[in-house]
């Protein structure tokens, strides 16, 4: 395990986002492409959560998103943020946020 200094952790920008649209990525088993509203802007996120969720289960849900992460391409699609989830041998569990928390709220 790598130890992260508090100042390094504070550089991470976690926000509450809401999934506006979601769809399976063609020719993949796990990848889902989502458009997530993070308050004032929208980001495309590609996540390997299709083993535990259908796109329909994600739409309108609020979740935690790391927004200042380097962009990465999956199957030619650019992921502009990363959602937070627990991943283990039996599946994946996205970390959802209560409906009363406003979109764009910074997670500390």
N, C-alpha and C. Protein backbone atom coordinates (compact mmCIF):
# COMPACT_ATOMS: atom_id res chain seq x y z
N UNK A 1 0.84 -1.17 0.00
CA UNK A 1 0.00 0.00 0.00
C UNK A 1 0.90 1.24 0.00
N UNK A 2 0.53 2.19 -0.84
CA UNK A 2 1.25 3.46 -0.91
C UNK A 2 0.60 4.46 0.03
N UNK A 3 1.41 5.14 0.82
CA UNK A 3 0.91 6.17 1.73
C UNK A 3 0.85 7.50 0.98
N UNK A 4 -0.31 8.16 1.07
CA UNK A 4 -0.51 9.44 0.42
C UNK A 4 -0.54 10.52 1.49
N UNK A 5 0.22 11.57 1.25
CA UNK A 5 0.22 12.69 2.20
C UNK A 5 -1.09 13.46 2.10
N UNK A 6 -1.49 14.06 3.21
CA UNK A 6 -2.75 14.80 3.26
C UNK A 6 -2.80 15.88 2.19
N UNK A 7 -1.73 16.59 1.97
CA UNK A 7 -1.71 17.63 0.94
C UNK A 7 -1.93 17.05 -0.45
N UNK A 8 -1.43 15.84 -0.70
CA UNK A 8 -1.65 15.18 -1.98
C UNK A 8 -3.11 14.78 -2.13
N UNK A 9 -3.70 14.27 -1.06
CA UNK A 9 -5.11 13.88 -1.09
C UNK A 9 -6.00 15.09 -1.36
N UNK A 10 -5.67 16.21 -0.77
CA UNK A 10 -6.48 17.42 -0.94
C UNK A 10 -6.47 17.93 -2.38
N UNK A 11 -5.51 17.49 -3.17
CA UNK A 11 -5.44 17.89 -4.58
C UNK A 11 -6.52 17.19 -5.41
N UNK A 12 -7.06 16.08 -4.91
CA UNK A 12 -8.08 15.34 -5.63
C UNK A 12 -9.41 16.07 -5.54
N UNK A 13 -10.10 16.18 -6.67
CA UNK A 13 -11.36 16.91 -6.73
C UNK A 13 -12.51 15.92 -6.93
N UNK A 14 -13.14 15.53 -5.81
CA UNK A 14 -14.29 14.63 -5.84
C UNK A 14 -15.55 15.48 -5.84
N UNK A 15 -16.50 15.16 -6.72
CA UNK A 15 -17.75 15.90 -6.78
C UNK A 15 -18.93 14.94 -6.86
N UNK A 16 -20.09 15.44 -6.48
CA UNK A 16 -21.33 14.70 -6.68
C UNK A 16 -21.78 14.95 -8.11
N UNK A 17 -22.03 13.87 -8.82
CA UNK A 17 -22.51 13.97 -10.20
C UNK A 17 -23.80 13.19 -10.35
N UNK A 18 -24.55 13.51 -11.40
CA UNK A 18 -25.79 12.80 -11.69
C UNK A 18 -25.72 12.26 -13.11
N UNK A 19 -26.02 10.98 -13.26
CA UNK A 19 -25.97 10.31 -14.56
C UNK A 19 -27.16 10.78 -15.40
N UNK A 20 -26.87 11.42 -16.52
CA UNK A 20 -27.93 11.89 -17.42
C UNK A 20 -28.26 10.86 -18.49
N UNK A 21 -27.25 10.12 -18.93
CA UNK A 21 -27.50 9.06 -19.91
C UNK A 21 -26.47 7.96 -19.70
N UNK A 22 -26.82 6.76 -20.12
CA UNK A 22 -25.92 5.61 -19.97
C UNK A 22 -26.24 4.59 -21.06
N UNK A 23 -25.19 3.96 -21.57
CA UNK A 23 -25.36 2.93 -22.60
C UNK A 23 -24.18 1.97 -22.56
N UNK A 24 -24.43 0.73 -22.95
CA UNK A 24 -23.36 -0.25 -23.04
C UNK A 24 -22.43 0.14 -24.17
N UNK A 25 -21.13 -0.09 -23.98
CA UNK A 25 -20.15 0.12 -25.05
C UNK A 25 -20.17 -1.12 -25.92
N UNK A 26 -20.33 -0.93 -27.21
CA UNK A 26 -20.43 -2.05 -28.16
C UNK A 26 -19.21 -2.97 -28.07
N UNK A 27 -19.46 -4.24 -28.21
CA UNK A 27 -18.43 -5.28 -28.24
C UNK A 27 -17.63 -5.40 -26.95
N UNK A 28 -18.24 -5.04 -25.82
CA UNK A 28 -17.62 -5.22 -24.51
C UNK A 28 -18.63 -5.85 -23.56
N UNK A 29 -18.12 -6.50 -22.53
CA UNK A 29 -19.01 -7.11 -21.53
C UNK A 29 -19.31 -6.17 -20.37
N UNK A 30 -18.30 -5.39 -19.97
CA UNK A 30 -18.43 -4.61 -18.73
C UNK A 30 -18.54 -3.11 -18.91
N UNK A 31 -18.09 -2.57 -20.03
CA UNK A 31 -18.00 -1.11 -20.15
C UNK A 31 -19.36 -0.45 -20.39
N UNK A 32 -19.59 0.61 -19.64
CA UNK A 32 -20.78 1.46 -19.80
C UNK A 32 -20.30 2.89 -20.01
N UNK A 33 -20.86 3.55 -21.02
CA UNK A 33 -20.57 4.96 -21.31
C UNK A 33 -21.68 5.79 -20.69
N UNK A 34 -21.28 6.76 -19.87
CA UNK A 34 -22.24 7.64 -19.20
C UNK A 34 -21.91 9.10 -19.47
N UNK A 35 -22.93 9.92 -19.50
CA UNK A 35 -22.76 11.38 -19.46
C UNK A 35 -23.21 11.78 -18.06
N UNK A 36 -22.28 12.40 -17.32
CA UNK A 36 -22.54 12.75 -15.93
C UNK A 36 -22.46 14.27 -15.76
N UNK A 37 -23.53 14.83 -15.20
CA UNK A 37 -23.58 16.26 -14.88
C UNK A 37 -22.88 16.44 -13.53
N UNK A 38 -21.81 17.25 -13.52
CA UNK A 38 -21.09 17.49 -12.27
C UNK A 38 -21.29 18.92 -11.77
N UNK A 39 -22.36 19.56 -12.26
CA UNK A 39 -22.68 20.92 -11.82
C UNK A 39 -22.00 21.94 -12.71
N UNK A 40 -22.71 22.43 -13.67
CA UNK A 40 -22.15 23.44 -14.57
C UNK A 40 -21.40 22.86 -15.75
N UNK A 41 -21.13 21.59 -15.73
CA UNK A 41 -20.50 20.93 -16.88
C UNK A 41 -20.83 19.44 -16.86
N UNK A 42 -20.69 18.85 -18.03
CA UNK A 42 -20.97 17.42 -18.17
C UNK A 42 -19.70 16.71 -18.61
N UNK A 43 -19.51 15.50 -18.11
CA UNK A 43 -18.34 14.70 -18.45
C UNK A 43 -18.77 13.33 -18.95
N UNK A 44 -18.03 12.84 -19.94
CA UNK A 44 -18.22 11.46 -20.40
C UNK A 44 -17.36 10.56 -19.52
N UNK A 45 -17.96 9.52 -18.99
CA UNK A 45 -17.24 8.56 -18.15
C UNK A 45 -17.46 7.16 -18.72
N UNK A 46 -16.37 6.43 -18.88
CA UNK A 46 -16.43 5.05 -19.31
C UNK A 46 -16.03 4.21 -18.10
N UNK A 47 -16.90 3.32 -17.66
CA UNK A 47 -16.65 2.55 -16.44
C UNK A 47 -16.94 1.07 -16.67
N UNK A 48 -16.13 0.24 -16.06
CA UNK A 48 -16.28 -1.22 -16.17
C UNK A 48 -17.23 -1.77 -15.12
N UNK A 49 -18.46 -1.34 -15.14
CA UNK A 49 -19.44 -1.73 -14.12
C UNK A 49 -20.61 -2.53 -14.69
N UNK A 50 -20.51 -2.90 -15.97
CA UNK A 50 -21.60 -3.58 -16.64
C UNK A 50 -21.88 -4.99 -16.13
N UNK A 51 -20.98 -5.53 -15.31
CA UNK A 51 -21.23 -6.84 -14.71
C UNK A 51 -22.21 -6.74 -13.53
N UNK A 52 -22.42 -5.53 -13.03
CA UNK A 52 -23.28 -5.34 -11.86
C UNK A 52 -24.47 -4.42 -12.10
N UNK A 53 -24.41 -3.60 -13.14
CA UNK A 53 -25.47 -2.62 -13.41
C UNK A 53 -25.84 -2.61 -14.89
N UNK A 54 -27.11 -2.36 -15.15
CA UNK A 54 -27.54 -2.08 -16.52
C UNK A 54 -27.52 -0.56 -16.66
N UNK A 55 -27.43 -0.06 -17.88
CA UNK A 55 -27.48 1.40 -18.06
C UNK A 55 -28.73 2.02 -17.44
N UNK A 56 -29.85 1.33 -17.55
CA UNK A 56 -31.12 1.86 -17.01
C UNK A 56 -31.08 2.03 -15.50
N UNK A 57 -30.32 1.21 -14.80
CA UNK A 57 -30.21 1.32 -13.34
C UNK A 57 -29.39 2.53 -12.91
N UNK A 58 -28.65 3.14 -13.82
CA UNK A 58 -27.76 4.24 -13.48
C UNK A 58 -28.35 5.62 -13.77
N UNK A 59 -29.24 5.69 -14.74
CA UNK A 59 -29.78 6.99 -15.16
C UNK A 59 -30.49 7.68 -13.99
N UNK A 60 -30.18 8.95 -13.81
CA UNK A 60 -30.71 9.83 -12.76
C UNK A 60 -30.12 9.58 -11.38
N UNK A 61 -29.23 8.61 -11.24
CA UNK A 61 -28.62 8.34 -9.93
C UNK A 61 -27.49 9.33 -9.68
N UNK A 62 -27.31 9.67 -8.41
CA UNK A 62 -26.20 10.54 -8.00
C UNK A 62 -25.09 9.66 -7.44
N UNK A 63 -23.84 10.04 -7.81
CA UNK A 63 -22.68 9.26 -7.39
C UNK A 63 -21.48 10.17 -7.21
N UNK A 64 -20.40 9.61 -6.69
CA UNK A 64 -19.18 10.37 -6.48
C UNK A 64 -18.25 10.19 -7.67
N UNK A 65 -17.69 11.32 -8.13
CA UNK A 65 -16.85 11.31 -9.32
C UNK A 65 -15.55 12.05 -9.03
N UNK A 66 -14.44 11.47 -9.44
CA UNK A 66 -13.14 12.15 -9.38
C UNK A 66 -12.98 12.88 -10.70
N UNK A 67 -12.97 14.22 -10.66
CA UNK A 67 -13.02 15.00 -11.90
C UNK A 67 -11.68 15.52 -12.39
N UNK A 68 -10.65 15.55 -11.55
CA UNK A 68 -9.37 16.09 -12.01
C UNK A 68 -8.33 14.98 -12.22
N UNK A 69 -8.79 13.89 -12.79
CA UNK A 69 -7.94 12.77 -13.13
C UNK A 69 -7.58 12.86 -14.62
N UNK A 70 -6.38 12.45 -14.96
CA UNK A 70 -5.97 12.42 -16.36
C UNK A 70 -6.98 11.60 -17.18
N UNK A 71 -7.36 12.12 -18.34
CA UNK A 71 -8.31 11.42 -19.20
C UNK A 71 -7.67 10.15 -19.75
N UNK A 72 -8.51 9.14 -19.99
CA UNK A 72 -8.02 7.85 -20.49
C UNK A 72 -8.99 7.33 -21.53
N UNK A 73 -8.46 6.64 -22.55
CA UNK A 73 -9.31 6.08 -23.60
C UNK A 73 -9.57 4.60 -23.35
N UNK A 74 -10.82 4.22 -23.55
CA UNK A 74 -11.26 2.83 -23.49
C UNK A 74 -12.02 2.55 -24.78
N UNK A 75 -11.55 1.59 -25.55
CA UNK A 75 -12.22 1.22 -26.81
C UNK A 75 -12.46 2.45 -27.70
N UNK A 76 -11.50 3.37 -27.69
CA UNK A 76 -11.59 4.57 -28.52
C UNK A 76 -12.44 5.69 -27.95
N UNK A 77 -13.02 5.49 -26.77
CA UNK A 77 -13.84 6.51 -26.12
C UNK A 77 -13.07 7.13 -24.97
N UNK A 78 -13.05 8.45 -24.89
CA UNK A 78 -12.32 9.13 -23.84
C UNK A 78 -13.16 9.24 -22.57
N UNK A 79 -12.57 8.79 -21.47
CA UNK A 79 -13.21 8.94 -20.17
C UNK A 79 -12.62 10.18 -19.51
N UNK A 80 -13.50 11.12 -19.13
CA UNK A 80 -13.09 12.43 -18.64
C UNK A 80 -13.17 12.56 -17.12
N UNK A 81 -13.46 11.46 -16.45
CA UNK A 81 -13.54 11.43 -14.99
C UNK A 81 -13.61 9.96 -14.57
N UNK A 82 -13.65 9.73 -13.26
CA UNK A 82 -13.75 8.36 -12.76
C UNK A 82 -14.78 8.33 -11.64
N UNK A 83 -15.70 7.37 -11.73
CA UNK A 83 -16.65 7.23 -10.63
C UNK A 83 -16.04 6.34 -9.56
N UNK A 84 -16.52 6.47 -8.33
CA UNK A 84 -16.00 5.67 -7.23
C UNK A 84 -16.88 4.46 -7.03
N UNK A 85 -16.22 3.31 -6.88
CA UNK A 85 -16.94 2.05 -6.71
C UNK A 85 -16.05 1.07 -5.97
N UNK A 86 -16.69 0.13 -5.31
CA UNK A 86 -15.97 -0.99 -4.69
C UNK A 86 -16.01 -2.14 -5.70
N UNK A 87 -14.87 -2.78 -5.90
CA UNK A 87 -14.78 -3.85 -6.88
C UNK A 87 -14.16 -5.07 -6.22
N UNK A 88 -14.86 -6.19 -6.28
CA UNK A 88 -14.35 -7.42 -5.69
C UNK A 88 -14.73 -8.58 -6.60
N UNK A 89 -14.35 -9.78 -6.25
CA UNK A 89 -14.53 -10.92 -7.14
C UNK A 89 -15.98 -11.20 -7.51
N UNK A 90 -16.93 -10.83 -6.67
CA UNK A 90 -18.34 -11.11 -6.96
C UNK A 90 -19.06 -9.98 -7.69
N UNK A 91 -18.41 -8.84 -7.87
CA UNK A 91 -19.07 -7.75 -8.58
C UNK A 91 -18.53 -6.39 -8.22
N UNK A 92 -19.30 -5.39 -8.55
CA UNK A 92 -18.93 -4.00 -8.35
C UNK A 92 -20.11 -3.28 -7.70
N UNK A 93 -19.81 -2.38 -6.76
CA UNK A 93 -20.84 -1.59 -6.11
C UNK A 93 -20.47 -0.12 -6.20
N UNK A 94 -21.22 0.62 -7.00
CA UNK A 94 -20.99 2.05 -7.16
C UNK A 94 -21.34 2.75 -5.85
N UNK A 95 -20.58 3.78 -5.50
CA UNK A 95 -20.86 4.56 -4.29
C UNK A 95 -21.84 5.66 -4.68
N UNK A 96 -23.12 5.43 -4.37
CA UNK A 96 -24.16 6.39 -4.68
C UNK A 96 -24.30 7.41 -3.55
N UNK A 97 -24.88 8.57 -3.89
CA UNK A 97 -25.05 9.68 -2.97
C UNK A 97 -26.55 9.95 -2.83
N UNK A 98 -26.97 10.40 -1.67
CA UNK A 98 -28.39 10.70 -1.43
C UNK A 98 -28.94 11.74 -2.37
N UNK A 99 -30.21 11.61 -2.68
CA UNK A 99 -30.88 12.52 -3.63
C UNK A 99 -30.88 13.97 -3.16
N UNK A 100 -30.77 14.20 -1.87
CA UNK A 100 -30.85 15.56 -1.35
C UNK A 100 -29.54 16.35 -1.53
N UNK A 101 -28.45 15.68 -1.90
CA UNK A 101 -27.16 16.38 -2.07
C UNK A 101 -27.14 17.01 -3.46
N UNK A 102 -26.86 18.33 -3.55
CA UNK A 102 -26.87 19.01 -4.84
C UNK A 102 -25.76 18.51 -5.78
N UNK A 103 -26.07 18.49 -7.06
CA UNK A 103 -25.09 18.15 -8.10
C UNK A 103 -23.95 19.16 -8.03
N UNK A 104 -22.72 18.68 -8.14
CA UNK A 104 -21.55 19.54 -8.12
C UNK A 104 -20.95 19.76 -6.74
N UNK A 105 -21.63 19.28 -5.70
CA UNK A 105 -21.10 19.44 -4.35
C UNK A 105 -19.75 18.75 -4.23
N UNK A 106 -18.80 19.44 -3.64
CA UNK A 106 -17.46 18.88 -3.45
C UNK A 106 -17.51 17.87 -2.31
N UNK A 107 -16.92 16.71 -2.53
CA UNK A 107 -16.85 15.65 -1.52
C UNK A 107 -15.51 15.79 -0.80
N UNK A 108 -15.57 15.91 0.51
CA UNK A 108 -14.33 16.10 1.31
C UNK A 108 -14.19 15.01 2.34
